[in-house]
């Protein structure tokens, strides 16, 4: 059996992290399948990142990812996050 380290979970606002205990899993087993139920998550895509574009515009960090699936599907993900400066 293999033990993954504890992982940290935060709410959508990033408040109060809490550690989640990840269960043991058999050698060769899929670690995503072990972690997902603990986090209340599920696998959406299996593949690799083939392109990343990042920029900062008008106080926002913006990005675009292109993912290529193992079954030749493609996914495009756009990200935008407000850039907050600490005083």
Foldseek 3Di string as FASTA:
>chain_A
DDFDDWDWDAPPVRPDIDTFGFDDDDVPDDSCVRVCVRRVHDDDAAFAWDDKDWDADPQKIKMKTWTAGPVRDIDIDIDIDGHDDDD
